[in-house]
Each structure stands twice: as structure tokens, then as C-alpha cells.
Amino acid sequence: MRGVTTFGYKVDPLILIDNIELSTNDLARLNVDDIASFSILKDASATALYGARGANGVIWSIQRG
């Protein structure tokens, strides 16, 4: 059984914009008009793709070029 300290105390999702990891502050500063697509992965799909880093979910986005 997983405990609180299994993956550390981080409870935020992994945020990837154009495959670059960003913080929640960076995400808040994005211009909404610059986002081409936006996906949220959770549970087993996020963990399967990103391992322990994706255990709290993944917010994935592609910006318009």
C-alpha cells in the first residue's frame, strides 16, 4: 500500500507545456489564446506514461506556433 511519503509530499500534477515541465505559476501566466490543445491525464494512464512523476495527474498542452 502506498503511503504519503511513497512519492514525496508533492501533490501537484505534473504540468507539461510543449514537453517542458512548468510550475503552476508558469501555467497561470500563459495567454489562453496561445493554447492549441489541452489534455488532462489522471490515474493509471498518467502513471503508465510518466511513472511516479505522473502519480498526481498530468496537465499537458501544446502552444500555437
C-alpha atoms as a PDB file:
ATOM      1  CA  MET A   1       0.000   0.000   0.000  1.00  0.00           C
ATOM      2  CA  ARG A   2       1.286   3.473  -0.844  1.00  0.00           C
ATOM      3  CA  GLY A   3       1.800   5.945   1.965  1.00  0.00           C
ATOM      4  CA  VAL A   4       2.079   9.702   1.921  1.00  0.00           C
ATOM      5  CA  THR A   5       5.848   9.550   1.594  1.00  0.00           C
ATOM      6  CA  THR A   6       5.962   6.993  -1.233  1.00  0.00           C
ATOM      7  CA  PHE A   7       6.407   9.655  -3.905  1.00  0.00           C
ATOM      8  CA  GLY A   8       7.243  12.573  -1.606  1.00  0.00           C
ATOM      9  CA  TYR A   9       4.913  15.285  -0.387  1.00  0.00           C
ATOM     10  CA  LYS A  10       4.250  16.801  -3.797  1.00  0.00           C
ATOM     11  CA  VAL A  11       0.527  16.752  -4.505  1.00  0.00           C
ATOM     12  CA  ASP A  12       0.527  18.965  -7.592  1.00  0.00           C
ATOM     13  CA  PRO A  13       0.070  17.449 -11.031  1.00  0.00           C
ATOM     14  CA  LEU A  14       2.934  17.312 -13.498  1.00  0.00           C
ATOM     15  CA  ILE A  15       2.497  20.269 -15.890  1.00  0.00           C
ATOM     16  CA  LEU A  16       3.974  19.920 -19.387  1.00  0.00           C
ATOM     17  CA  ILE A  17       3.726  22.678 -21.982  1.00  0.00           C
ATOM     18  CA  ASP A  18       5.354  21.751 -25.294  1.00  0.00           C
ATOM     19  CA  ASN A  19       7.041  18.864 -23.398  1.00  0.00           C
ATOM     20  CA  ILE A  20       8.702  21.276 -20.943  1.00  0.00           C
ATOM     21  CA  GLU A  21       7.881  20.927 -17.247  1.00  0.00           C
ATOM     22  CA  LEU A  22       6.451  24.120 -15.748  1.00  0.00           C
ATOM     23  CA  SER A  23       5.185  25.234 -12.353  1.00  0.00           C
ATOM     24  CA  THR A  24       1.630  26.266 -11.505  1.00  0.00           C
ATOM     25  CA  ASN A  25       2.781  29.912 -11.573  1.00  0.00           C
ATOM     26  CA  ASP A  26       4.083  29.472 -15.124  1.00  0.00           C
ATOM     27  CA  LEU A  27       0.778  27.892 -16.141  1.00  0.00           C
ATOM     28  CA  ALA A  28      -1.148  30.833 -14.684  1.00  0.00           C
ATOM     29  CA  ARG A  29       0.899  33.265 -16.803  1.00  0.00           C
ATOM     30  CA  LEU A  30       0.059  31.592 -20.123  1.00  0.00           C
ATOM     31  CA  ASN A  31      -2.115  33.510 -22.544  1.00  0.00           C
ATOM     32  CA  VAL A  32      -5.255  31.449 -23.156  1.00  0.00           C
ATOM     33  CA  ASP A  33      -5.250  32.372 -26.854  1.00  0.00           C
ATOM     34  CA  ASP A  34      -1.820  30.739 -27.271  1.00  0.00           C
ATOM     35  CA  ILE A  35      -3.042  27.255 -26.307  1.00  0.00           C
ATOM     36  CA  ALA A  36      -3.714  24.960 -29.277  1.00  0.00           C
ATOM     37  CA  SER A  37      -4.739  21.873 -27.297  1.00  0.00           C
ATOM     38  CA  PHE A  38      -5.109  20.891 -23.675  1.00  0.00           C
ATOM     39  CA  SER A  39      -5.303  17.427 -22.105  1.00  0.00           C
ATOM     40  CA  ILE A  40      -5.515  16.097 -18.583  1.00  0.00           C
ATOM     41  CA  LEU A  41      -4.300  12.601 -17.778  1.00  0.00           C
ATOM     42  CA  LYS A  42      -5.101  11.042 -14.439  1.00  0.00           C
ATOM     43  CA  ASP A  43      -4.825   7.805 -12.561  1.00  0.00           C
ATOM     44  CA  ALA A  44      -3.242   4.835 -14.314  1.00  0.00           C
ATOM     45  CA  SER A  45      -2.788   6.485 -17.718  1.00  0.00           C
ATOM     46  CA  ALA A  46      -0.631   9.274 -16.272  1.00  0.00           C
ATOM     47  CA  THR A  47       1.395   6.862 -14.151  1.00  0.00           C
ATOM     48  CA  ALA A  48       1.887   4.491 -17.089  1.00  0.00           C
ATOM     49  CA  LEU A  49       3.330   7.266 -19.251  1.00  0.00           C
ATOM     50  CA  TYR A  50       5.240   9.348 -16.697  1.00  0.00           C
ATOM     51  CA  GLY A  51       5.886   6.943 -13.820  1.00  0.00           C
ATOM     52  CA  ALA A  52       5.938   8.293 -10.274  1.00  0.00           C
ATOM     53  CA  ARG A  53       6.126  11.867 -11.600  1.00  0.00           C
ATOM     54  CA  GLY A  54       2.637  11.448 -13.072  1.00  0.00           C
ATOM     55  CA  ALA A  55       1.075   9.840 -10.000  1.00  0.00           C
ATOM     56  CA  ASN A  56      -0.876  13.029  -9.196  1.00  0.00           C
ATOM     57  CA  GLY A  57      -2.015  13.517 -12.790  1.00  0.00           C
ATOM     58  CA  VAL A  58      -0.577  15.308 -15.787  1.00  0.00           C
ATOM     59  CA  ILE A  59      -1.684  18.556 -17.421  1.00  0.00           C
ATOM     60  CA  TRP A  60      -0.396  18.515 -20.986  1.00  0.00           C
ATOM     61  CA  SER A  61      -0.689  21.321 -23.519  1.00  0.00           C
ATOM     62  CA  ILE A  62       0.609  22.401 -26.906  1.00  0.00           C
ATOM     63  CA  GLN A  63       1.028  26.095 -27.663  1.00  0.00           C
ATOM     64  CA  ARG A  64       0.306  27.582 -31.037  1.00  0.00           C
ATOM     65  CA  GLY A  65       3.412  28.287 -33.016  1.00  0.00           C
END
